[in-house]
Amino acid sequence: MTATESSPRYHKLPGRRRGFISSASLWTGADHLLSVKSDRLQEDYKRFYFRDIQAIVVTKVPRFLISTRAVALGALLLIAVLIARGRMPGLTVGLWLLAAGLMACWIYVSAAHSCTCRLYTAVSREDLPSLYRTWTARKVVADLERRIAQAQGVFIESWADAAELCSPGPPDPPGHAATGRRPADRRSRTLASDLFLASLFADAIATSLEIGSPSAVLTALSAGLTALQLAGAIWMFVQHSRGILSTAMQRLAIVTLVFIGGLLYVQAFADSVQAALAGRRGPVAIHALARSETIRPIYIAGVLLLGLTGLVLSFKSFEPEPPPAITG
């Protein structure tokens, strides 16, 4: 028997986490599940035999993850907009609508169809980062449930009754609270989050008025609202660290800060490209407060989508779902 014939063969499961630094994927062998995590410098392999898996828990929570493919697509759209602005102005509106539609889809999926997945054995708990969308988690859990049933058998009685007799996973240390559950007193709405969302909508209105009739007053008002958003985000971080505000709203604040900061760099890049297309040389003036005509439409669309997402998260409760598969 050669080395190739004796080596185990693996089948890749759906789902893959592709980040800027880390990545994660799942593979199935003949009698075990293989979790592969990489941070570009090293890879971590963990093997879980089907006969040892006690439970797989999927919890529906909002997750605003930005993959490398999303960043590459956004960069291509930005380059296309800058090229179309100078050569095909009629195409610019269509590209902005396409970008707004893609961003709306990403926010909706991140808020309503995202999850975390955790695997339990008698001695360990393992997060599965590659399963962060609900449809992928259902498909993978259904496949693993079949394989685990072949290795362990199936319950004759209800698995929920059996789960009450024995909690899956290793026991928690004395005095240590169970992980992976949101404290009961965390709220989806606070004064900080309401002011934060109000500033987003007000900023979108002020920036829209600037397109029709730009003025120093509107520019100063928009800058003040941006400062209010930053202060509100910091306030939300403090409330989250104290166990008052939900994790969903805290992540929305993070996405908003990344969006606002990213547009500063995008505006600097756009101004540089426009200066190069115009044939100007020398230093390029960077707009510290006033947003350029290229940036305003995408800023308005992004702020509105973030505000609408915040409204959905404020009035929606994300409770943990029951484990979709427990075998043993």
Foldseek 3Di string as FASTA:
>chain_A
DDPVVPDWDKDWADFKAAAPFKIWTWIDTPFWIWIWIGRPVDIDIDIGGLQFWFFKFKFDAFDLDDHPVNVVVVVVLLVVLLVCVVPPVVCNVVSLVVVLVVVLVSLCQRGGFFIWMWIFGQEDIDTHVRRTGNVSVVRVVVVSQVSSCVVFNFDPDDVVVVCVVPPTHYDDDPPDDDPDFQDPQAALDDPLLVLLLVLLLVLLVLLVVCVVPNDPVSLVSNQVSVVSNVVSLVVQVVCVVVSHHDPNSNVLSVVVVCVVVVVQVVQVVSQVSVCVVVVHDDDGDRDPRDGDPSSSSNSSSVSVSSSVSSVCSNPDDRHTDGGPHGGD
